[in-house]
All heavy atoms as atom14 arrays in JSON, in Angstrom:
{
  "sequence": "GQENVVIDVHQMSSDDFDNSTYFAETAAQKDYDLNMSGWSADYQ",
  "atom14_mask": [
    [1, 1, 1, 1, 0, 0, 0, 0, 0, 0, 0, 0, 0, 0],
    [1, 1, 1, 1, 1, 1, 1, 1, 1, 0, 0, 0, 0, 0],
    [1, 1, 1, 1, 1, 1, 1, 1, 1, 0, 0, 0, 0, 0],
    [1, 1, 1, 1, 1, 1, 1, 1, 0, 0, 0, 0, 0, 0],
    [1, 1, 1, 1, 1, 1, 1, 0, 0, 0, 0, 0, 0, 0],
    [1, 1, 1, 1, 1, 1, 1, 0, 0, 0, 0, 0, 0, 0],
    [1, 1, 1, 1, 1, 1, 1, 1, 0, 0, 0, 0, 0, 0],
    [1, 1, 1, 1, 1, 1, 1, 1, 0, 0, 0, 0, 0, 0],
    [1, 1, 1, 1, 1, 1, 1, 0, 0, 0, 0, 0, 0, 0],
    [1, 1, 1, 1, 1, 1, 1, 1, 1, 1, 0, 0, 0, 0],
    [1, 1, 1, 1, 1, 1, 1, 1, 1, 0, 0, 0, 0, 0],
    [1, 1, 1, 1, 1, 1, 1, 1, 0, 0, 0, 0, 0, 0],
    [1, 1, 1, 1, 1, 1, 0, 0, 0, 0, 0, 0, 0, 0],
    [1, 1, 1, 1, 1, 1, 0, 0, 0, 0, 0, 0, 0, 0],
    [1, 1, 1, 1, 1, 1, 1, 1, 0, 0, 0, 0, 0, 0],
    [1, 1, 1, 1, 1, 1, 1, 1, 0, 0, 0, 0, 0, 0],
    [1, 1, 1, 1, 1, 1, 1, 1, 1, 1, 1, 0, 0, 0],
    [1, 1, 1, 1, 1, 1, 1, 1, 0, 0, 0, 0, 0, 0],
    [1, 1, 1, 1, 1, 1, 1, 1, 0, 0, 0, 0, 0, 0],
    [1, 1, 1, 1, 1, 1, 0, 0, 0, 0, 0, 0, 0, 0],
    [1, 1, 1, 1, 1, 1, 1, 0, 0, 0, 0, 0, 0, 0],
    [1, 1, 1, 1, 1, 1, 1, 1, 1, 1, 1, 1, 0, 0],
    [1, 1, 1, 1, 1, 1, 1, 1, 1, 1, 1, 0, 0, 0],
    [1, 1, 1, 1, 1, 0, 0, 0, 0, 0, 0, 0, 0, 0],
    [1, 1, 1, 1, 1, 1, 1, 1, 1, 0, 0, 0, 0, 0],
    [1, 1, 1, 1, 1, 1, 1, 0, 0, 0, 0, 0, 0, 0],
    [1, 1, 1, 1, 1, 0, 0, 0, 0, 0, 0, 0, 0, 0],
    [1, 1, 1, 1, 1, 0, 0, 0, 0, 0, 0, 0, 0, 0],
    [1, 1, 1, 1, 1, 1, 1, 1, 1, 0, 0, 0, 0, 0],
    [1, 1, 1, 1, 1, 1, 1, 1, 1, 0, 0, 0, 0, 0],
    [1, 1, 1, 1, 1, 1, 1, 1, 0, 0, 0, 0, 0, 0],
    [1, 1, 1, 1, 1, 1, 1, 1, 1, 1, 1, 1, 0, 0],
    [1, 1, 1, 1, 1, 1, 1, 1, 0, 0, 0, 0, 0, 0],
    [1, 1, 1, 1, 1, 1, 1, 1, 0, 0, 0, 0, 0, 0],
    [1, 1, 1, 1, 1, 1, 1, 1, 0, 0, 0, 0, 0, 0],
    [1, 1, 1, 1, 1, 1, 1, 1, 0, 0, 0, 0, 0, 0],
    [1, 1, 1, 1, 1, 1, 0, 0, 0, 0, 0, 0, 0, 0],
    [1, 1, 1, 1, 0, 0, 0, 0, 0, 0, 0, 0, 0, 0],
    [1, 1, 1, 1, 1, 1, 1, 1, 1, 1, 1, 1, 1, 1],
    [1, 1, 1, 1, 1, 1, 0, 0, 0, 0, 0, 0, 0, 0],
    [1, 1, 1, 1, 1, 0, 0, 0, 0, 0, 0, 0, 0, 0],
    [1, 1, 1, 1, 1, 1, 1, 1, 0, 0, 0, 0, 0, 0],
    [1, 1, 1, 1, 1, 1, 1, 1, 1, 1, 1, 1, 0, 0],
    [1, 1, 1, 1, 1, 1, 1, 1, 1, 0, 0, 0, 0, 0]
  ],
  "atom14_positions": [
    [[0.81, -1.21, 0.0], [0.0, -0.01, 0.0], [0.85, 1.26, 0.0], [1.81, 1.37, 0.75], [0.0, 0.0, 0.0], [0.0, 0.0, 0.0], [0.0, 0.0, 0.0], [0.0, 0.0, 0.0], [0.0, 0.0, 0.0], [0.0, 0.0, 0.0], [0.0, 0.0, 0.0], [0.0, 0.0, 0.0], [0.0, 0.0, 0.0], [0.0, 0.0, 0.0]],
    [[0.48, 2.22, -0.84], [1.24, 3.45, -0.93], [1.14, 4.3, 0.33], [1.95, 5.19, 0.54], [0.79, 4.27, -2.13], [1.27, 3.72, -3.47], [0.97, 4.67, -4.61], [-0.08, 5.3, -4.66], [1.9, 4.77, -5.55], [0.0, 0.0, 0.0], [0.0, 0.0, 0.0], [0.0, 0.0, 0.0], [0.0, 0.0, 0.0], [0.0, 0.0, 0.0]],
    [[0.13, 4.01, 1.15], [0.04, 4.71, 2.43], [1.13, 4.23, 3.39], [1.38, 4.87, 4.42], [-1.34, 4.51, 3.05], [-1.63, 3.12, 3.58], [-2.08, 2.12, 2.51], [-1.98, 2.47, 1.3], [-2.54, 1.03, 2.87], [0.0, 0.0, 0.0], [0.0, 0.0, 0.0], [0.0, 0.0, 0.0], [0.0, 0.0, 0.0], [0.0, 0.0, 0.0]],
    [[1.77, 3.14, 3.04], [2.82, 2.56, 3.89], [4.23, 2.69, 3.29], [5.17, 3.03, 4.0], [2.51, 1.08, 4.15], [1.3, 0.88, 5.02], [1.16, 1.56, 6.05], [0.41, -0.02, 4.63], [0.0, 0.0, 0.0], [0.0, 0.0, 0.0], [0.0, 0.0, 0.0], [0.0, 0.0, 0.0], [0.0, 0.0, 0.0], [0.0, 0.0, 0.0]],
    [[4.35, 2.37, 1.99], [5.66, 2.42, 1.33], [5.5, 3.03, -0.05], [4.61, 2.66, -0.81], [6.27, 1.02, 1.19], [7.6, 1.1, 0.43], [6.48, 0.36, 2.54], [0.0, 0.0, 0.0], [0.0, 0.0, 0.0], [0.0, 0.0, 0.0], [0.0, 0.0, 0.0], [0.0, 0.0, 0.0], [0.0, 0.0, 0.0], [0.0, 0.0, 0.0]],
    [[6.38, 3.97, -0.36], [6.43, 4.55, -1.7], [7.84, 4.35, -2.25], [8.83, 4.72, -1.6], [6.1, 6.05, -1.68], [6.29, 6.64, -3.09], [4.68, 6.29, -1.2], [0.0, 0.0, 0.0], [0.0, 0.0, 0.0], [0.0, 0.0, 0.0], [0.0, 0.0, 0.0], [0.0, 0.0, 0.0], [0.0, 0.0, 0.0], [0.0, 0.0, 0.0]],
    [[7.93, 3.72, -3.41], [9.23, 3.55, -4.1], [9.38, 4.74, -5.04], [8.66, 4.87, -6.02], [9.27, 2.23, -4.88], [8.98, 1.01, -3.96], [10.63, 2.09, -5.59], [9.99, 0.81, -2.89], [0.0, 0.0, 0.0], [0.0, 0.0, 0.0], [0.0, 0.0, 0.0], [0.0, 0.0, 0.0], [0.0, 0.0, 0.0], [0.0, 0.0, 0.0]],
    [[10.32, 5.61, -4.72], [10.59, 6.77, -5.56], [11.68, 6.42, -6.58], [12.86, 6.3, -6.23], [11.04, 7.95, -4.71], [9.92, 8.51, -3.84], [8.78, 8.57, -4.33], [10.16, 8.85, -2.67], [0.0, 0.0, 0.0], [0.0, 0.0, 0.0], [0.0, 0.0, 0.0], [0.0, 0.0, 0.0], [0.0, 0.0, 0.0], [0.0, 0.0, 0.0]],
    [[11.26, 6.23, -7.82], [12.2, 5.86, -8.88], [12.82, 7.14, -9.44], [12.12, 8.02, -9.93], [11.49, 5.08, -10.01], [12.47, 4.76, -11.13], [10.85, 3.81, -9.46], [0.0, 0.0, 0.0], [0.0, 0.0, 0.0], [0.0, 0.0, 0.0], [0.0, 0.0, 0.0], [0.0, 0.0, 0.0], [0.0, 0.0, 0.0], [0.0, 0.0, 0.0]],
    [[14.14, 7.24, -9.35], [14.85, 8.41, -9.83], [15.59, 8.07, -11.12], [16.61, 7.38, -11.11], [15.85, 8.91, -8.78], [15.21, 9.43, -7.53], [14.8, 10.73, -7.4], [14.85, 8.8, -6.37], [14.24, 10.92, -6.21], [14.26, 9.75, -5.59], [0.0, 0.0, 0.0], [0.0, 0.0, 0.0], [0.0, 0.0, 0.0], [0.0, 0.0, 0.0]],
    [[15.05, 8.56, -12.25], [15.71, 8.35, -13.52], [16.79, 9.41, -13.7], [16.52, 10.6, -13.64], [14.69, 8.42, -14.66], [13.65, 7.31, -14.6], [12.84, 7.22, -15.87], [13.35, 7.44, -16.98], [11.56, 6.9, -15.74], [0.0, 0.0, 0.0], [0.0, 0.0, 0.0], [0.0, 0.0, 0.0], [0.0, 0.0, 0.0], [0.0, 0.0, 0.0]],
    [[18.03, 8.96, -13.91], [19.18, 9.85, -13.96], [19.93, 9.69, -15.29], [19.77, 8.69, -15.98], [20.16, 9.52, -12.82], [19.57, 9.52, -11.44], [20.87, 9.03, -10.26], [19.91, 8.94, -8.74], [0.0, 0.0, 0.0], [0.0, 0.0, 0.0], [0.0, 0.0, 0.0], [0.0, 0.0, 0.0], [0.0, 0.0, 0.0], [0.0, 0.0, 0.0]],
    [[20.79, 10.65, -15.57], [21.71, 10.49, -16.69], [22.68, 9.36, -16.32], [22.86, 9.02, -15.15], [22.5, 11.78, -16.92], [23.39, 12.03, -15.83], [0.0, 0.0, 0.0], [0.0, 0.0, 0.0], [0.0, 0.0, 0.0], [0.0, 0.0, 0.0], [0.0, 0.0, 0.0], [0.0, 0.0, 0.0], [0.0, 0.0, 0.0], [0.0, 0.0, 0.0]],
    [[23.33, 8.81, -17.33], [24.27, 7.72, -17.09], [25.37, 8.15, -16.12], [25.75, 7.38, -15.21], [24.91, 7.25, -18.41], [23.92, 6.71, -19.26], [0.0, 0.0, 0.0], [0.0, 0.0, 0.0], [0.0, 0.0, 0.0], [0.0, 0.0, 0.0], [0.0, 0.0, 0.0], [0.0, 0.0, 0.0], [0.0, 0.0, 0.0], [0.0, 0.0, 0.0]],
    [[25.9, 9.34, -16.3], [26.99, 9.82, -15.44], [26.52, 9.99, -14.0], [27.22, 9.59, -13.07], [27.56, 11.12, -15.97], [28.41, 10.93, -17.22], [28.81, 9.77, -17.48], [28.65, 11.92, -17.94], [0.0, 0.0, 0.0], [0.0, 0.0, 0.0], [0.0, 0.0, 0.0], [0.0, 0.0, 0.0], [0.0, 0.0, 0.0], [0.0, 0.0, 0.0]],
    [[25.36, 10.59, -13.82], [24.85, 10.78, -12.45], [24.57, 9.43, -11.78], [24.85, 9.24, -10.59], [23.56, 11.62, -12.48], [23.84, 13.1, -12.65], [25.0, 13.52, -12.47], [22.88, 13.85, -12.95], [0.0, 0.0, 0.0], [0.0, 0.0, 0.0], [0.0, 0.0, 0.0], [0.0, 0.0, 0.0], [0.0, 0.0, 0.0], [0.0, 0.0, 0.0]],
    [[24.01, 8.52, -12.56], [23.74, 7.2, -12.01], [25.04, 6.5, -11.61], [25.15, 5.98, -10.49], [22.99, 6.35, -13.03], [22.82, 4.93, -12.58], [21.86, 4.59, -11.65], [23.65, 3.93, -13.07], [21.73, 3.28, -11.21], [23.51, 2.62, -12.64], [22.56, 2.29, -11.7], [0.0, 0.0, 0.0], [0.0, 0.0, 0.0], [0.0, 0.0, 0.0]],
    [[26.02, 6.5, -12.49], [27.3, 5.86, -12.19], [27.94, 6.46, -10.95], [28.43, 5.73, -10.08], [28.26, 6.01, -13.38], [27.9, 5.09, -14.54], [27.08, 4.17, -14.35], [28.44, 5.3, -15.64], [0.0, 0.0, 0.0], [0.0, 0.0, 0.0], [0.0, 0.0, 0.0], [0.0, 0.0, 0.0], [0.0, 0.0, 0.0], [0.0, 0.0, 0.0]],
    [[27.95, 7.77, -10.86], [28.61, 8.44, -9.75], [27.88, 8.24, -8.43], [28.48, 8.36, -7.36], [28.76, 9.93, -10.05], [29.74, 10.2, -11.18], [30.65, 9.4, -11.41], [29.54, 11.29, -11.9], [0.0, 0.0, 0.0], [0.0, 0.0, 0.0], [0.0, 0.0, 0.0], [0.0, 0.0, 0.0], [0.0, 0.0, 0.0], [0.0, 0.0, 0.0]],
    [[26.59, 7.94, -8.5], [25.82, 7.72, -7.29], [25.85, 6.27, -6.82], [25.53, 5.97, -5.67], [24.34, 8.11, -7.53], [24.23, 9.46, -7.87], [0.0, 0.0, 0.0], [0.0, 0.0, 0.0], [0.0, 0.0, 0.0], [0.0, 0.0, 0.0], [0.0, 0.0, 0.0], [0.0, 0.0, 0.0], [0.0, 0.0, 0.0], [0.0, 0.0, 0.0]],
    [[26.27, 5.39, -7.73], [26.19, 3.95, -7.4], [27.53, 3.26, -7.65], [28.37, 3.2, -6.79], [25.07, 3.29, -8.25], [25.32, 3.51, -9.64], [23.7, 3.88, -7.91], [0.0, 0.0, 0.0], [0.0, 0.0, 0.0], [0.0, 0.0, 0.0], [0.0, 0.0, 0.0], [0.0, 0.0, 0.0], [0.0, 0.0, 0.0], [0.0, 0.0, 0.0]],
    [[27.72, 2.77, -8.84], [28.86, 1.88, -9.15], [30.21, 2.53, -8.92], [31.11, 1.93, -8.37], [28.72, 1.45, -10.61], [29.68, 0.37, -11.05], [29.69, -0.88, -10.44], [30.55, 0.58, -12.11], [30.55, -1.87, -10.87], [31.42, -0.41, -12.55], [31.41, -1.64, -11.92], [32.26, -2.62, -12.34], [0.0, 0.0, 0.0], [0.0, 0.0, 0.0]],
    [[30.37, 3.78, -9.37], [31.66, 4.42, -9.26], [31.8, 5.31, -8.02], [32.81, 5.98, -7.86], [31.97, 5.25, -10.52], [32.31, 4.39, -11.72], [31.6, 4.52, -12.9], [33.32, 3.44, -11.65], [31.9, 3.72, -14.0], [33.62, 2.63, -12.75], [32.92, 2.78, -13.92], [0.0, 0.0, 0.0], [0.0, 0.0, 0.0], [0.0, 0.0, 0.0]],
    [[30.79, 5.34, -7.18], [30.92, 6.04, -5.89], [31.98, 5.29, -5.08], [31.86, 4.1, -4.82], [29.59, 6.05, -5.16], [0.0, 0.0, 0.0], [0.0, 0.0, 0.0], [0.0, 0.0, 0.0], [0.0, 0.0, 0.0], [0.0, 0.0, 0.0], [0.0, 0.0, 0.0], [0.0, 0.0, 0.0], [0.0, 0.0, 0.0], [0.0, 0.0, 0.0]],
    [[33.04, 5.99, -4.66], [34.21, 5.32, -4.1], [34.08, 4.99, -2.62], [34.82, 4.17, -2.11], [35.45, 6.18, -4.34], [35.79, 6.34, -5.81], [37.04, 7.15, -6.04], [37.56, 7.71, -5.05], [37.5, 7.23, -7.2], [0.0, 0.0, 0.0], [0.0, 0.0, 0.0], [0.0, 0.0, 0.0], [0.0, 0.0, 0.0], [0.0, 0.0, 0.0]],
    [[33.17, 5.63, -1.91], [33.02, 5.37, -0.48], [31.56, 5.11, -0.15], [30.64, 5.46, -0.92], [33.5, 6.58, 0.35], [32.63, 7.71, 0.1], [34.93, 6.95, -0.01], [0.0, 0.0, 0.0], [0.0, 0.0, 0.0], [0.0, 0.0, 0.0], [0.0, 0.0, 0.0], [0.0, 0.0, 0.0], [0.0, 0.0, 0.0], [0.0, 0.0, 0.0]],
    [[31.34, 4.53, 1.02], [29.98, 4.27, 1.47], [29.2, 5.56, 1.6], [28.0, 5.62, 1.29], [30.02, 3.53, 2.82], [0.0, 0.0, 0.0], [0.0, 0.0, 0.0], [0.0, 0.0, 0.0], [0.0, 0.0, 0.0], [0.0, 0.0, 0.0], [0.0, 0.0, 0.0], [0.0, 0.0, 0.0], [0.0, 0.0, 0.0], [0.0, 0.0, 0.0]],
    [[29.86, 6.61, 2.04], [29.19, 7.89, 2.24], [28.72, 8.52, 0.93], [27.82, 9.38, 0.94], [30.13, 8.87, 2.97], [0.0, 0.0, 0.0], [0.0, 0.0, 0.0], [0.0, 0.0, 0.0], [0.0, 0.0, 0.0], [0.0, 0.0, 0.0], [0.0, 0.0, 0.0], [0.0, 0.0, 0.0], [0.0, 0.0, 0.0], [0.0, 0.0, 0.0]],
    [[29.3, 8.1, -0.19], [28.92, 8.65, -1.49], [27.8, 7.86, -2.16], [27.29, 8.27, -3.21], [30.14, 8.69, -2.41], [31.22, 9.65, -1.95], [32.52, 9.51, -2.75], [32.69, 8.56, -3.5], [33.42, 10.45, -2.58], [0.0, 0.0, 0.0], [0.0, 0.0, 0.0], [0.0, 0.0, 0.0], [0.0, 0.0, 0.0], [0.0, 0.0, 0.0]],
    [[27.41, 6.73, -1.59], [26.34, 5.91, -2.18], [25.01, 6.62, -1.95], [24.53, 6.73, -0.83], [26.31, 4.52, -1.56], [27.6, 3.73, -1.74], [27.83, 3.3, -3.17], [29.07, 2.42, -3.3], [29.33, 1.98, -4.68], [0.0, 0.0, 0.0], [0.0, 0.0, 0.0], [0.0, 0.0, 0.0], [0.0, 0.0, 0.0], [0.0, 0.0, 0.0]],
    [[24.42, 7.11, -3.04], [23.27, 8.01, -2.94], [21.98, 7.3, -3.33], [21.41, 7.52, -4.4], [23.52, 9.23, -3.85], [22.56, 10.36, -3.55], [21.72, 10.23, -2.64], [22.68, 11.41, -4.23], [0.0, 0.0, 0.0], [0.0, 0.0, 0.0], [0.0, 0.0, 0.0], [0.0, 0.0, 0.0], [0.0, 0.0, 0.0], [0.0, 0.0, 0.0]],
    [[21.52, 6.43, -2.46], [20.28, 5.7, -2.69], [19.85, 5.0, -1.41], [20.62, 4.88, -0.45], [20.46, 4.64, -3.8], [21.63, 3.7, -3.56], [21.52, 2.6, -2.68], [22.85, 3.89, -4.21], [22.6, 1.76, -2.47], [23.91, 3.04, -4.01], [23.78, 1.97, -3.13], [24.85, 1.12, -2.92], [0.0, 0.0, 0.0], [0.0, 0.0, 0.0]],
    [[18.6, 4.56, -1.4], [18.11, 3.7, -0.29], [18.18, 2.23, -0.7], [18.39, 1.36, 0.14], [16.67, 4.04, 0.06], [16.54, 5.43, 0.7], [17.34, 5.74, 1.6], [15.64, 6.19, 0.27], [0.0, 0.0, 0.0], [0.0, 0.0, 0.0], [0.0, 0.0, 0.0], [0.0, 0.0, 0.0], [0.0, 0.0, 0.0], [0.0, 0.0, 0.0]],
    [[18.01, 1.99, -1.98], [17.97, 0.61, -2.48], [18.5, 0.65, -3.92], [18.08, 1.49, -4.71], [16.52, 0.12, -2.46], [16.25, -1.39, -2.53], [16.85, -2.11, -1.34], [14.73, -1.65, -2.56], [0.0, 0.0, 0.0], [0.0, 0.0, 0.0], [0.0, 0.0, 0.0], [0.0, 0.0, 0.0], [0.0, 0.0, 0.0], [0.0, 0.0, 0.0]],
    [[19.43, -0.26, -4.21], [20.03, -0.24, -5.56], [20.41, -1.65, -5.98], [20.76, -2.49, -5.14], [21.29, 0.64, -5.56], [21.95, 0.69, -6.92], [21.3, 1.01, -7.92], [23.23, 0.37, -6.97], [0.0, 0.0, 0.0], [0.0, 0.0, 0.0], [0.0, 0.0, 0.0], [0.0, 0.0, 0.0], [0.0, 0.0, 0.0], [0.0, 0.0, 0.0]],
    [[20.36, -1.9, -7.28], [20.72, -3.2, -7.81], [22.23, -3.31, -7.95], [22.88, -2.43, -8.53], [20.05, -3.42, -9.17], [20.28, -4.81, -9.75], [19.42, -6.11, -8.85], [17.75, -5.88, -9.47], [0.0, 0.0, 0.0], [0.0, 0.0, 0.0], [0.0, 0.0, 0.0], [0.0, 0.0, 0.0], [0.0, 0.0, 0.0], [0.0, 0.0, 0.0]],
    [[22.8, -4.38, -7.4], [24.22, -4.68, -7.54], [24.36, -6.09, -8.07], [23.38, -6.85, -8.13], [24.93, -4.56, -6.18], [24.89, -3.25, -5.7], [0.0, 0.0, 0.0], [0.0, 0.0, 0.0], [0.0, 0.0, 0.0], [0.0, 0.0, 0.0], [0.0, 0.0, 0.0], [0.0, 0.0, 0.0], [0.0, 0.0, 0.0], [0.0, 0.0, 0.0]],
    [[25.58, -6.46, -8.4], [25.81, -7.82, -8.89], [27.15, -8.34, -8.44], [28.07, -7.58, -8.11], [0.0, 0.0, 0.0], [0.0, 0.0, 0.0], [0.0, 0.0, 0.0], [0.0, 0.0, 0.0], [0.0, 0.0, 0.0], [0.0, 0.0, 0.0], [0.0, 0.0, 0.0], [0.0, 0.0, 0.0], [0.0, 0.0, 0.0], [0.0, 0.0, 0.0]],
    [[27.28, -9.67, -8.4], [28.52, -10.3, -7.98], [28.68, -11.64, -8.68], [27.72, -12.38, -8.84], [28.52, -10.52, -6.47], [29.9, -10.79, -5.94], [30.42, -11.99, -5.59], [30.92, -9.83, -5.72], [31.71, -11.84, -5.16], [32.05, -10.52, -5.23], [31.01, -8.45, -5.9], [33.25, -9.87, -4.93], [32.2, -7.81, -5.59], [33.3, -8.51, -5.1]],
    [[29.9, -11.91, -9.12], [30.21, -13.23, -9.68], [31.42, -13.8, -8.97], [32.16, -13.08, -8.31], [30.44, -13.15, -11.18], [31.45, -12.21, -11.5], [0.0, 0.0, 0.0], [0.0, 0.0, 0.0], [0.0, 0.0, 0.0], [0.0, 0.0, 0.0], [0.0, 0.0, 0.0], [0.0, 0.0, 0.0], [0.0, 0.0, 0.0], [0.0, 0.0, 0.0]],
    [[31.61, -15.09, -9.1], [32.57, -15.81, -8.27], [34.01, -15.58, -8.7], [34.32, -15.58, -9.88], [32.26, -17.31, -8.31], [0.0, 0.0, 0.0], [0.0, 0.0, 0.0], [0.0, 0.0, 0.0], [0.0, 0.0, 0.0], [0.0, 0.0, 0.0], [0.0, 0.0, 0.0], [0.0, 0.0, 0.0], [0.0, 0.0, 0.0], [0.0, 0.0, 0.0]],
    [[34.88, -15.4, -7.7], [36.32, -15.3, -7.95], [36.97, -16.67, -7.87], [37.96, -16.92, -8.57], [36.99, -14.4, -6.91], [36.58, -12.94, -7.04], [36.16, -12.57, -8.15], [36.67, -12.2, -6.07], [0.0, 0.0, 0.0], [0.0, 0.0, 0.0], [0.0, 0.0, 0.0], [0.0, 0.0, 0.0], [0.0, 0.0, 0.0], [0.0, 0.0, 0.0]],
    [[36.48, -17.53, -6.98], [37.07, -18.85, -6.81], [36.01, -19.81, -6.3], [34.9, -19.41, -5.92], [38.28, -18.8, -5.86], [38.03, -18.06, -4.56], [37.57, -18.72, -3.43], [38.24, -16.68, -4.48], [37.34, -18.03, -2.25], [38.02, -15.99, -3.29], [37.57, -16.68, -2.18], [37.32, -15.98, -1.02], [0.0, 0.0, 0.0], [0.0, 0.0, 0.0]],
    [[36.34, -21.1, -6.29], [35.35, -22.13, -6.09], [35.11, -22.43, -4.61], [35.49, -23.48, -4.09], [35.75, -23.43, -6.83], [34.6, -24.39, -7.04], [33.58, -23.89, -8.03], [33.92, -23.4, -9.08], [32.31, -24.01, -7.69], [0.0, 0.0, 0.0], [0.0, 0.0, 0.0], [0.0, 0.0, 0.0], [0.0, 0.0, 0.0], [0.0, 0.0, 0.0]]
  ]
}
């Protein structure tokens, strides 16, 4: 219910998105509440 939770989707330019997420170098620079990330295996 929107009276309980609202997902605010922020459509950004590629550069703004990158700088807010993937290329943000520190935790303090991560500019979101929820973001998609990915991980693949380095070793077995």
